[in-house]
Amino acid sequence: MGHELGGIVTEVGANAASKFKVGDKVAVGCMVQSCQTCGLCEQGLENHCLGMCQTYSGMFPKGCGHDECSDTHTNGGYSTGITVHSRFCFTVPEKMPLEHAGPLCCAGITTYSPLARHVKGKANQNVGVVGFGGLGHMAVKIAKAMGATVTVLSRSEAKKADAEKLGASLAVYTDKEQMKGLFRAFDCIVDTVSAPHEINDLISTLKPYTGIITMLGGVPQPYTVAGFPMIFNGTRMEGSLIGGCAITQEMLDFCAEHDIAPDVKIIPATEAEAVFVGMQKGEGGPIRHVIDIETIKDVPLYAGN
């Protein structure tokens, strides 16, 4: 777990918020700092603050109240210990294992945020989930717990059985006939795919004006979007980035209440490279590999240090 981790509090600073004590189970998500004073931070949107510092592979900014850390590198969960401002630490519900809490603070909050905005608390919602990997399977579980009808939109029927196990149906979004059958069907589409893909056929499956497609995948190339389908269908389109501190805690509590957990496999640090190479080849399926940081001492680079 690099930019998402779960662990035990070993020390509490003298000026830290009193909500934590030594021995508490806590989780840290994708950020460890923000300016904490701007309008975005005051609205609980620390994830969009210009002073936001990522948990892994980031640089602490200046002017955030901890200038002694400025211009130092963040190593996230690839560490035997980490010091985090209490605002960016989250209480792990009692019955939730740490290996679940960490991934939920990335894949969980990334999918929970748009679903909380557009689906939660509404009746008769029809949700489409594009892609069925680490993010996609969490979107299905969370949307189902919110009472929605869910359809996985995939490139093939290879994952149909897996989708059905979670109570979702599956449609092939590259099949134009299947897409015609879903014309103006969805209240919300959560697109989790991180590789370039066609989205114009997805647009017609949204309900006019009330339907929205949320892009989570971070595709580096620009999307090619046809103007007239957007206009005639009244399509709304947005991007979404994890979530702020308050909604992250809300997500953890929601997942505990509804017994939602990511599919995980705990691995020793020595297997991390092989898993990463396999992921690049598309191996592993909708699962989060969680590194047991106790095993980092067994990696040759660190052994004996």
C-alpha atoms as a PDB file:
ATOM      1  CA  MET A   1       0.000   0.000   0.000  1.00  0.00           C
ATOM      2  CA  GLY A   2       1.802   3.127  -1.151  1.00  0.00           C
ATOM      3  CA  HIS A   3      -0.635   6.019  -1.065  1.00  0.00           C
ATOM      4  CA  GLU A   4      -3.132   4.203   1.155  1.00  0.00           C
ATOM      5  CA  LEU A   5      -2.376   2.496   4.432  1.00  0.00           C
ATOM      6  CA  GLY A   6      -3.765   1.133   7.657  1.00  0.00           C
ATOM      7  CA  GLY A   7      -1.879   0.841  10.919  1.00  0.00           C
ATOM      8  CA  ILE A   8      -1.756   1.325  14.676  1.00  0.00           C
ATOM      9  CA  VAL A   9      -1.085   4.627  16.472  1.00  0.00           C
ATOM     10  CA  THR A  10       2.249   4.363  18.299  1.00  0.00           C
ATOM     11  CA  GLU A  11       2.582   7.971  19.470  1.00  0.00           C
ATOM     12  CA  VAL A  12       0.379  11.070  19.677  1.00  0.00           C
ATOM     13  CA  GLY A  13       1.893  14.546  19.458  1.00  0.00           C
ATOM     14  CA  ALA A  14       1.360  17.023  22.261  1.00  0.00           C
ATOM     15  CA  ASN A  15      -0.620  19.369  20.009  1.00  0.00           C
ATOM     16  CA  ALA A  16      -2.566  16.687  18.130  1.00  0.00           C
ATOM     17  CA  ALA A  17      -6.348  16.400  18.205  1.00  0.00           C
ATOM     18  CA  SER A  18      -7.544  14.268  21.103  1.00  0.00           C
ATOM     19  CA  LYS A  19      -9.591  11.895  18.911  1.00  0.00           C
ATOM     20  CA  PHE A  20      -6.699   9.394  18.732  1.00  0.00           C
ATOM     21  CA  LYS A  21      -4.720   7.514  21.360  1.00  0.00           C
ATOM     22  CA  VAL A  22      -1.889   5.010  21.276  1.00  0.00           C
ATOM     23  CA  GLY A  23      -3.177   1.634  20.127  1.00  0.00           C
ATOM     24  CA  ASP A  24      -6.006   2.966  17.951  1.00  0.00           C
ATOM     25  CA  LYS A  25      -6.538   1.488  14.487  1.00  0.00           C
ATOM     26  CA  VAL A  26      -6.254   4.242  11.879  1.00  0.00           C
ATOM     27  CA  ALA A  27      -6.124   4.630   8.118  1.00  0.00           C
ATOM     28  CA  VAL A  28      -4.426   7.194   5.911  1.00  0.00           C
ATOM     29  CA  GLY A  29      -5.540   7.914   2.375  1.00  0.00           C
ATOM     30  CA  CYS A  30      -3.956   9.661  -0.567  1.00  0.00           C
ATOM     31  CA  MET A  31      -3.065  12.929   1.183  1.00  0.00           C
ATOM     32  CA  VAL A  32      -1.243  13.943   4.347  1.00  0.00           C
ATOM     33  CA  GLN A  33      -1.444  17.714   4.236  1.00  0.00           C
ATOM     34  CA  SER A  34      -3.267  20.741   2.849  1.00  0.00           C
ATOM     35  CA  CYS A  35      -3.229  24.420   3.736  1.00  0.00           C
ATOM     36  CA  GLN A  36      -6.286  23.806   5.996  1.00  0.00           C
ATOM     37  CA  THR A  37      -7.315  27.476   5.775  1.00  0.00           C
ATOM     38  CA  CYS A  38      -8.585  28.101   2.221  1.00  0.00           C
ATOM     39  CA  GLY A  39     -12.222  28.011   1.188  1.00  0.00           C
ATOM     40  CA  LEU A  40     -11.845  24.537  -0.268  1.00  0.00           C
ATOM     41  CA  CYS A  41     -10.431  23.140   2.968  1.00  0.00           C
ATOM     42  CA  GLU A  42     -13.199  24.838   4.935  1.00  0.00           C
ATOM     43  CA  GLN A  43     -15.735  23.076   2.688  1.00  0.00           C
ATOM     44  CA  GLY A  44     -14.138  19.672   3.299  1.00  0.00           C
ATOM     45  CA  LEU A  45     -12.531  19.634  -0.139  1.00  0.00           C
ATOM     46  CA  GLU A  46      -8.942  19.291   1.010  1.00  0.00           C
ATOM     47  CA  ASN A  47      -8.327  17.015  -1.973  1.00  0.00           C
ATOM     48  CA  HIS A  48      -8.630  20.045  -4.280  1.00  0.00           C
ATOM     49  CA  CYS A  49      -6.552  22.429  -2.159  1.00  0.00           C
ATOM     50  CA  LEU A  50      -3.534  23.864  -4.004  1.00  0.00           C
ATOM     51  CA  GLY A  51      -1.471  23.004  -0.934  1.00  0.00           C
ATOM     52  CA  MET A  52      -2.561  19.362  -0.878  1.00  0.00           C
ATOM     53  CA  CYS A  53       0.361  16.979  -0.404  1.00  0.00           C
ATOM     54  CA  GLN A  54       0.081  13.396  -1.594  1.00  0.00           C
ATOM     55  CA  THR A  55       0.869  10.576   0.809  1.00  0.00           C
ATOM     56  CA  TYR A  56       3.242   8.942  -1.625  1.00  0.00           C
ATOM     57  CA  SER A  57       5.693  10.470  -4.107  1.00  0.00           C
ATOM     58  CA  GLY A  58       4.823  14.035  -3.127  1.00  0.00           C
ATOM     59  CA  MET A  59       6.749  16.991  -1.754  1.00  0.00           C
ATOM     60  CA  PHE A  60       5.623  18.828   1.360  1.00  0.00           C
ATOM     61  CA  PRO A  61       4.735  22.406   0.363  1.00  0.00           C
ATOM     62  CA  LYS A  62       5.757  25.558   2.191  1.00  0.00           C
ATOM     63  CA  GLY A  63       3.271  27.687   4.085  1.00  0.00           C
ATOM     64  CA  CYS A  64       1.145  24.861   5.495  1.00  0.00           C
ATOM     65  CA  GLY A  65       2.177  25.271   9.101  1.00  0.00           C
ATOM     66  CA  HIS A  66       4.963  22.675   9.007  1.00  0.00           C
ATOM     67  CA  ASP A  67       7.758  24.372   7.089  1.00  0.00           C
ATOM     68  CA  GLU A  68      10.304  22.070   8.719  1.00  0.00           C
ATOM     69  CA  CYS A  69       8.877  19.410   6.386  1.00  0.00           C
ATOM     70  CA  SER A  70       8.811  21.561   3.258  1.00  0.00           C
ATOM     71  CA  ASP A  71      10.566  20.194   0.206  1.00  0.00           C
ATOM     72  CA  THR A  72      10.915  16.752   1.786  1.00  0.00           C
ATOM     73  CA  HIS A  73       9.702  13.648  -0.017  1.00  0.00           C
ATOM     74  CA  THR A  74       6.708  11.567   1.093  1.00  0.00           C
ATOM     75  CA  ASN A  75       7.140   7.792   1.102  1.00  0.00           C
ATOM     76  CA  GLY A  76       3.634   6.801   2.129  1.00  0.00           C
ATOM     77  CA  GLY A  77       2.927   3.204   3.043  1.00  0.00           C
ATOM     78  CA  TYR A  78       6.320   2.060   1.797  1.00  0.00           C
ATOM     79  CA  SER A  79       7.647   2.960   5.241  1.00  0.00           C
ATOM     80  CA  THR A  80       7.994   1.237   8.589  1.00  0.00           C
ATOM     81  CA  GLY A  81       6.378   4.284  10.188  1.00  0.00           C
ATOM     82  CA  ILE A  82       4.691   7.518   9.149  1.00  0.00           C
ATOM     83  CA  THR A  83       3.844  10.796  10.868  1.00  0.00           C
ATOM     84  CA  VAL A  84       0.542  12.305   9.760  1.00  0.00           C
ATOM     85  CA  HIS A  85      -1.465  15.348  10.821  1.00  0.00           C
ATOM     86  CA  SER A  86      -4.498  14.105  12.757  1.00  0.00           C
ATOM     87  CA  ARG A  87      -6.845  15.737  10.236  1.00  0.00           C
ATOM     88  CA  PHE A  88      -5.667  13.246   7.619  1.00  0.00           C
ATOM     89  CA  CYS A  89      -5.936  10.187   9.881  1.00  0.00           C
ATOM     90  CA  PHE A  90      -9.216   8.283   9.947  1.00  0.00           C
ATOM     91  CA  THR A  91     -10.755   6.079  12.572  1.00  0.00           C
ATOM     92  CA  VAL A  92     -11.003   2.481  11.402  1.00  0.00           C
ATOM     93  CA  PRO A  93     -14.331   0.968  12.550  1.00  0.00           C
ATOM     94  CA  GLU A  94     -13.805  -1.741  15.157  1.00  0.00           C
ATOM     95  CA  LYS A  95     -14.809  -4.713  13.003  1.00  0.00           C
ATOM     96  CA  MET A  96     -12.892  -3.573   9.892  1.00  0.00           C
ATOM     97  CA  PRO A  97      -9.501  -5.257   9.247  1.00  0.00           C
ATOM     98  CA  LEU A  98      -6.587  -2.933   8.524  1.00  0.00           C
ATOM     99  CA  GLU A  99      -5.937  -4.663   5.188  1.00  0.00           C
ATOM    100  CA  HIS A 100      -9.404  -3.489   4.109  1.00  0.00           C
ATOM    101  CA  ALA A 101      -9.217   0.010   5.588  1.00  0.00           C
ATOM    102  CA  GLY A 102      -6.121   1.015   3.611  1.00  0.00           C
ATOM    103  CA  PRO A 103      -7.445   0.231   0.107  1.00  0.00           C
ATOM    104  CA  LEU A 104     -10.827   1.733   0.995  1.00  0.00           C
ATOM    105  CA  CYS A 105      -9.050   5.061   1.486  1.00  0.00           C
ATOM    106  CA  CYS A 106      -8.179   5.005  -2.220  1.00  0.00           C
ATOM    107  CA  ALA A 107     -10.461   2.820  -4.327  1.00  0.00           C
ATOM    108  CA  GLY A 108     -13.262   3.134  -1.785  1.00  0.00           C
ATOM    109  CA  ILE A 109     -13.313   6.909  -1.446  1.00  0.00           C
ATOM    110  CA  THR A 110     -12.656   7.461  -5.161  1.00  0.00           C
ATOM    111  CA  THR A 111     -15.865   5.629  -6.058  1.00  0.00           C
ATOM    112  CA  TYR A 112     -17.867   6.565  -2.968  1.00  0.00           C
ATOM    113  CA  SER A 113     -17.517  10.337  -3.558  1.00  0.00           C
ATOM    114  CA  PRO A 114     -19.446  10.578  -6.871  1.00  0.00           C
ATOM    115  CA  LEU A 115     -21.962   7.947  -5.756  1.00  0.00           C
ATOM    116  CA  ALA A 116     -22.592   9.890  -2.545  1.00  0.00           C
ATOM    117  CA  ARG A 117     -23.180  13.061  -4.601  1.00  0.00           C
ATOM    118  CA  HIS A 118     -25.451  11.558  -7.227  1.00  0.00           C
ATOM    119  CA  VAL A 119     -26.973   8.309  -5.925  1.00  0.00           C
ATOM    120  CA  LYS A 120     -27.013   8.031  -2.139  1.00  0.00           C
ATOM    121  CA  GLY A 121     -30.392   8.732  -0.591  1.00  0.00           C
ATOM    122  CA  LYS A 122     -32.250   8.598  -3.903  1.00  0.00           C
ATOM    123  CA  ALA A 123     -34.755   5.921  -4.872  1.00  0.00           C
ATOM    124  CA  ASN A 124     -34.795   3.850  -8.067  1.00  0.00           C
ATOM    125  CA  GLN A 125     -31.310   4.784  -9.235  1.00  0.00           C
ATOM    126  CA  ASN A 126     -29.798   2.998 -12.224  1.00  0.00           C
ATOM    127  CA  VAL A 127     -25.978   3.057 -12.186  1.00  0.00           C
ATOM    128  CA  GLY A 128     -23.508   2.039 -14.875  1.00  0.00           C
ATOM    129  CA  VAL A 129     -19.933   1.137 -13.964  1.00  0.00           C
ATOM    130  CA  VAL A 130     -17.403   1.212 -16.794  1.00  0.00           C
ATOM    131  CA  GLY A 131     -14.563  -1.199 -16.085  1.00  0.00           C
ATOM    132  CA  PHE A 132     -14.469  -3.927 -13.461  1.00  0.00           C
ATOM    133  CA  GLY A 133     -11.028  -3.762 -11.899  1.00  0.00           C
ATOM    134  CA  GLY A 134      -9.938  -2.453  -8.506  1.00  0.00           C
ATOM    135  CA  LEU A 135     -12.104   0.669  -8.732  1.00  0.00           C
ATOM    136  CA  GLY A 136     -14.932  -0.906 -10.677  1.00  0.00           C
ATOM    137  CA  HIS A 137     -15.672  -3.716  -8.240  1.00  0.00           C
ATOM    138  CA  MET A 138     -15.768  -1.191  -5.375  1.00  0.00           C
ATOM    139  CA  ALA A 139     -18.183   1.036  -7.328  1.00  0.00           C
ATOM    140  CA  VAL A 140     -20.500  -1.941  -7.820  1.00  0.00           C
ATOM    141  CA  LYS A 141     -20.452  -2.890  -4.131  1.00  0.00           C
ATOM    142  CA  ILE A 142     -21.041   0.676  -2.929  1.00  0.00           C
ATOM    143  CA  ALA A 143     -23.781   1.458  -5.461  1.00  0.00           C
ATOM    144  CA  LYS A 144     -25.579  -1.768  -4.576  1.00  0.00           C
ATOM    145  CA  ALA A 145     -25.412  -0.877  -0.874  1.00  0.00           C
ATOM    146  CA  MET A 146     -26.979   2.479  -1.736  1.00  0.00           C
ATOM    147  CA  GLY A 147     -29.930   0.596  -3.233  1.00  0.00           C
ATOM    148  CA  ALA A 148     -29.129   1.164  -6.897  1.00  0.00           C
ATOM    149  CA  THR A 149     -29.572  -1.216  -9.827  1.00  0.00           C
ATOM    150  CA  VAL A 150     -26.085  -1.691 -11.286  1.00  0.00           C
ATOM    151  CA  THR A 151     -24.814  -2.642 -14.740  1.00  0.00           C
ATOM    152  CA  VAL A 152     -21.141  -3.269 -15.410  1.00  0.00           C
ATOM    153  CA  LEU A 153     -20.130  -1.892 -18.809  1.00  0.00           C
ATOM    154  CA  SER A 154     -17.179  -3.923 -20.038  1.00  0.00           C
ATOM    155  CA  ARG A 155     -15.269  -4.593 -23.266  1.00  0.00           C
ATOM    156  CA  SER A 156     -16.337  -8.245 -23.280  1.00  0.00           C
ATOM    157  CA  GLU A 157     -18.406 -10.757 -21.349  1.00  0.00           C
ATOM    158  CA  ALA A 158     -15.315 -12.257 -19.691  1.00  0.00           C
ATOM    159  CA  LYS A 159     -16.242 -10.838 -16.282  1.00  0.00           C
ATOM    160  CA  LYS A 160     -19.989 -11.470 -16.491  1.00  0.00           C
ATOM    161  CA  ALA A 161     -19.996 -14.151 -13.795  1.00  0.00           C
ATOM    162  CA  ASP A 162     -17.939 -11.952 -11.454  1.00  0.00           C
ATOM    163  CA  ALA A 163     -20.347  -9.053 -11.937  1.00  0.00           C
ATOM    164  CA  GLU A 164     -23.361 -11.247 -11.294  1.00  0.00           C
ATOM    165  CA  LYS A 165     -21.821 -12.523  -8.038  1.00  0.00           C
ATOM    166  CA  LEU A 166     -21.985  -8.933  -6.789  1.00  0.00           C
ATOM    167  CA  GLY A 167     -25.591  -8.523  -7.938  1.00  0.00           C
ATOM    168  CA  ALA A 168     -24.859  -6.566 -11.109  1.00  0.00           C
ATOM    169  CA  SER A 169     -25.650  -7.321 -14.721  1.00  0.00           C
ATOM    170  CA  LEU A 170     -23.074  -6.870 -17.482  1.00  0.00           C
ATOM    171  CA  ALA A 171     -23.303  -5.248 -20.900  1.00  0.00           C
ATOM    172  CA  VAL A 172     -20.584  -4.961 -23.541  1.00  0.00           C
ATOM    173  CA  TYR A 173     -20.158  -1.256 -24.237  1.00  0.00           C
ATOM    174  CA  THR A 174     -18.407  -1.930 -27.560  1.00  0.00           C
ATOM    175  CA  ASP A 175     -21.543  -3.746 -28.781  1.00  0.00           C
ATOM    176  CA  LYS A 176     -23.721  -1.095 -30.410  1.00  0.00           C
ATOM    177  CA  GLU A 177     -26.845  -3.257 -30.247  1.00  0.00           C
ATOM    178  CA  GLN A 178     -26.486  -3.716 -26.519  1.00  0.00           C
ATOM    179  CA  MET A 179     -25.931   0.015 -26.117  1.00  0.00           C
ATOM    180  CA  LYS A 180     -29.140   0.737 -28.030  1.00  0.00           C
ATOM    181  CA  GLY A 181     -30.972  -1.380 -25.470  1.00  0.00           C
ATOM    182  CA  LEU A 182     -29.644   0.904 -22.713  1.00  0.00           C
ATOM    183  CA  PHE A 183     -30.699   4.172 -24.383  1.00  0.00           C
ATOM    184  CA  ARG A 184     -31.266   6.809 -21.675  1.00  0.00           C
ATOM    185  CA  ALA A 185     -31.227   4.150 -18.958  1.00  0.00           C
ATOM    186  CA  PHE A 186     -28.706   5.458 -16.431  1.00  0.00           C
ATOM    187  CA  ASP A 187     -28.935   8.098 -13.743  1.00  0.00           C
ATOM    188  CA  CYS A 188     -25.194   7.903 -13.177  1.00  0.00           C
ATOM    189  CA  ILE A 189     -22.223   6.295 -14.896  1.00  0.00           C
ATOM    190  CA  VAL A 190     -18.936   5.872 -13.044  1.00  0.00           C
ATOM    191  CA  ASP A 191     -16.128   5.394 -15.574  1.00  0.00           C
ATOM    192  CA  THR A 192     -13.109   3.764 -13.911  1.00  0.00           C
ATOM    193  CA  VAL A 193     -11.086   2.865 -17.015  1.00  0.00           C
ATOM    194  CA  SER A 194      -7.581   4.378 -17.110  1.00  0.00           C
ATOM    195  CA  ALA A 195      -6.778   3.510 -20.744  1.00  0.00           C
ATOM    196  CA  PRO A 196      -8.089   5.365 -23.814  1.00  0.00           C
ATOM    197  CA  HIS A 197     -11.564   4.138 -24.775  1.00  0.00           C
ATOM    198  CA  GLU A 198     -14.630   5.213 -26.717  1.00  0.00           C
ATOM    199  CA  ILE A 199     -17.170   7.116 -24.624  1.00  0.00           C
ATOM    200  CA  ASN A 200     -19.608   8.495 -27.208  1.00  0.00           C
ATOM    201  CA  ASP A 201     -21.804   5.391 -27.137  1.00  0.00           C
ATOM    202  CA  LEU A 202     -21.955   5.724 -23.347  1.00  0.00           C
ATOM    203  CA  ILE A 203     -23.383   9.232 -23.590  1.00  0.00           C
ATOM    204  CA  SER A 204     -26.637   8.019 -25.126  1.00  0.00           C
ATOM    205  CA  THR A 205     -27.236   5.705 -22.151  1.00  0.00           C
ATOM    206  CA  LEU A 206     -27.600   8.659 -19.757  1.00  0.00           C
ATOM    207  CA  LYS A 207     -30.932  10.219 -18.864  1.00  0.00           C
ATOM    208  CA  PRO A 208     -31.156  13.749 -20.313  1.00  0.00           C
ATOM    209  CA  TYR A 209     -29.857  16.452 -17.940  1.00  0.00           C
ATOM    210  CA  THR A 210     -30.389  14.396 -14.787  1.00  0.00           C
ATOM    211  CA  GLY A 211     -27.917  11.713 -15.872  1.00  0.00           C
ATOM    212  CA  ILE A 212     -24.192  12.288 -15.334  1.00  0.00           C
ATOM    213  CA  ILE A 213     -20.987  10.477 -16.246  1.00  0.00           C
ATOM    214  CA  THR A 214     -18.091  10.749 -13.782  1.00  0.00           C
ATOM    215  CA  MET A 215     -14.578  10.131 -15.082  1.00  0.00           C
ATOM    216  CA  LEU A 216     -12.230   8.538 -12.549  1.00  0.00           C
ATOM    217  CA  GLY A 217      -9.660   6.810 -14.717  1.00  0.00           C
ATOM    218  CA  GLY A 218      -7.197   9.628 -15.336  1.00  0.00           C
ATOM    219  CA  VAL A 219      -6.703   8.829 -19.019  1.00  0.00           C
ATOM    220  CA  PRO A 220      -3.669  10.901 -20.145  1.00  0.00           C
ATOM    221  CA  GLN A 221      -4.909  11.478 -23.707  1.00  0.00           C
ATOM    222  CA  PRO A 222      -7.820  13.848 -24.430  1.00  0.00           C
ATOM    223  CA  TYR A 223     -11.219  12.233 -24.954  1.00  0.00           C
ATOM    224  CA  THR A 224     -12.879  12.638 -28.343  1.00  0.00           C
ATOM    225  CA  VAL A 225     -16.427  13.687 -27.546  1.00  0.00           C
ATOM    226  CA  ALA A 226     -19.016  14.227 -30.298  1.00  0.00           C
ATOM    227  CA  GLY A 227     -20.813  17.529 -29.798  1.00  0.00           C
ATOM    228  CA  PHE A 228     -24.267  16.729 -31.174  1.00  0.00           C
ATOM    229  CA  PRO A 229     -24.906  13.628 -29.019  1.00  0.00           C
ATOM    230  CA  MET A 230     -23.922  15.714 -25.990  1.00  0.00           C
ATOM    231  CA  ILE A 231     -26.289  18.489 -27.021  1.00  0.00           C
ATOM    232  CA  PHE A 232     -29.277  16.346 -27.966  1.00  0.00           C
ATOM    233  CA  ASN A 233     -28.950  14.204 -24.857  1.00  0.00           C
ATOM    234  CA  GLY A 234     -28.292  17.041 -22.422  1.00  0.00           C
ATOM    235  CA  THR A 235     -25.276  15.143 -21.124  1.00  0.00           C
ATOM    236  CA  ARG A 236     -23.435  16.159 -17.976  1.00  0.00           C
ATOM    237  CA  MET A 237     -19.823  15.084 -17.560  1.00  0.00           C
ATOM    238  CA  GLU A 238     -17.456  15.551 -14.603  1.00  0.00           C
ATOM    239  CA  GLY A 239     -14.153  14.445 -13.150  1.00  0.00           C
ATOM    240  CA  SER A 240     -13.744  13.382  -9.544  1.00  0.00           C
ATOM    241  CA  LEU A 241     -10.684  13.100  -7.273  1.00  0.00           C
ATOM    242  CA  ILE A 242     -10.795  10.918  -4.127  1.00  0.00           C
ATOM    243  CA  GLY A 243     -12.604  12.915  -1.410  1.00  0.00           C
ATOM    244  CA  GLY A 244     -12.034  15.288   1.476  1.00  0.00           C
ATOM    245  CA  CYS A 245     -11.422  14.261   5.072  1.00  0.00           C
ATOM    246  CA  ALA A 246     -15.028  14.285   6.297  1.00  0.00           C
ATOM    247  CA  ILE A 247     -16.411  12.205   3.438  1.00  0.00           C
ATOM    248  CA  THR A 248     -13.513   9.739   3.752  1.00  0.00           C
ATOM    249  CA  GLN A 249     -14.502   8.997   7.340  1.00  0.00           C
ATOM    250  CA  GLU A 250     -18.134   8.798   6.194  1.00  0.00           C
ATOM    251  CA  MET A 251     -17.102   6.238   3.586  1.00  0.00           C
ATOM    252  CA  LEU A 252     -15.294   4.040   6.106  1.00  0.00           C
ATOM    253  CA  ASP A 253     -18.310   4.080   8.417  1.00  0.00           C
ATOM    254  CA  PHE A 254     -20.677   3.334   5.508  1.00  0.00           C
ATOM    255  CA  CYS A 255     -18.582   0.391   4.365  1.00  0.00           C
ATOM    256  CA  ALA A 256     -18.429  -1.017   7.890  1.00  0.00           C
ATOM    257  CA  GLU A 257     -22.185  -0.649   8.292  1.00  0.00           C
ATOM    258  CA  HIS A 258     -22.879  -2.452   5.010  1.00  0.00           C
ATOM    259  CA  ASP A 259     -20.075  -5.039   5.251  1.00  0.00           C
ATOM    260  CA  ILE A 260     -18.383  -3.690   2.133  1.00  0.00           C
ATOM    261  CA  ALA A 261     -14.767  -4.736   1.694  1.00  0.00           C
ATOM    262  CA  PRO A 262     -12.315  -4.630  -1.192  1.00  0.00           C
ATOM    263  CA  ASP A 263     -11.105  -7.946  -2.522  1.00  0.00           C
ATOM    264  CA  VAL A 264      -7.551  -8.088  -1.209  1.00  0.00           C
ATOM    265  CA  LYS A 265      -4.550 -10.381  -1.112  1.00  0.00           C
ATOM    266  CA  ILE A 266      -1.857  -9.765   1.495  1.00  0.00           C
ATOM    267  CA  ILE A 267       1.624 -10.193   0.042  1.00  0.00           C
ATOM    268  CA  PRO A 268       5.169  -9.895   1.405  1.00  0.00           C
ATOM    269  CA  ALA A 269       7.221  -6.953   0.170  1.00  0.00           C
ATOM    270  CA  THR A 270       9.454  -9.330  -1.771  1.00  0.00           C
ATOM    271  CA  GLU A 271       6.549 -10.106  -4.134  1.00  0.00           C
ATOM    272  CA  ALA A 272       5.625  -6.489  -4.855  1.00  0.00           C
ATOM    273  CA  GLU A 273       7.673  -6.157  -8.050  1.00  0.00           C
ATOM    274  CA  ALA A 274       6.264  -9.350  -9.571  1.00  0.00           C
ATOM    275  CA  VAL A 275       2.715  -8.248  -8.753  1.00  0.00           C
ATOM    276  CA  PHE A 276       3.347  -4.847 -10.342  1.00  0.00           C
ATOM    277  CA  VAL A 277       4.664  -6.438 -13.535  1.00  0.00           C
ATOM    278  CA  GLY A 278       1.616  -8.728 -13.615  1.00  0.00           C
ATOM    279  CA  MET A 279      -0.732  -5.773 -13.239  1.00  0.00           C
ATOM    280  CA  GLN A 280       0.904  -4.111 -16.257  1.00  0.00           C
ATOM    281  CA  LYS A 281       0.098  -7.288 -18.204  1.00  0.00           C
ATOM    282  CA  GLY A 282      -3.536  -7.179 -17.054  1.00  0.00           C
ATOM    283  CA  GLU A 283      -3.166 -10.077 -14.626  1.00  0.00           C
ATOM    284  CA  GLY A 284      -4.759 -10.381 -11.199  1.00  0.00           C
ATOM    285  CA  GLY A 285      -8.374  -9.328 -11.774  1.00  0.00           C
ATOM    286  CA  PRO A 286     -10.373  -6.952  -9.543  1.00  0.00           C
ATOM    287  CA  ILE A 287      -8.185  -7.275  -6.452  1.00  0.00           C
ATOM    288  CA  ARG A 288      -5.995  -5.068  -4.275  1.00  0.00           C
ATOM    289  CA  HIS A 289      -2.607  -6.478  -3.301  1.00  0.00           C
ATOM    290  CA  VAL A 290      -1.748  -5.303   0.211  1.00  0.00           C
ATOM    291  CA  ILE A 291       1.867  -5.307   1.352  1.00  0.00           C
ATOM    292  CA  ASP A 292       2.555  -6.450   4.898  1.00  0.00           C
ATOM    293  CA  ILE A 293       5.066  -3.759   5.810  1.00  0.00           C
ATOM    294  CA  GLU A 294       6.584  -6.003   8.482  1.00  0.00           C
ATOM    295  CA  THR A 295       8.164  -7.917   5.600  1.00  0.00           C
ATOM    296  CA  ILE A 296      10.006  -4.924   4.117  1.00  0.00           C
ATOM    297  CA  LYS A 297      13.086  -6.009   6.082  1.00  0.00           C
ATOM    298  CA  ASP A 298      13.254  -9.068   3.830  1.00  0.00           C
ATOM    299  CA  VAL A 299      13.766  -7.021   0.661  1.00  0.00           C
ATOM    300  CA  PRO A 300      17.478  -7.298  -0.267  1.00  0.00           C
ATOM    301  CA  LEU A 301      17.836  -3.525  -0.606  1.00  0.00           C
ATOM    302  CA  TYR A 302      16.842  -3.056   3.030  1.00  0.00           C
ATOM    303  CA  ALA A 303      18.074  -6.276   4.613  1.00  0.00           C
ATOM    304  CA  GLY A 304      20.543  -5.558   7.383  1.00  0.00           C
ATOM    305  CA  ASN A 305      19.894  -1.781   7.319  1.00  0.00           C
END
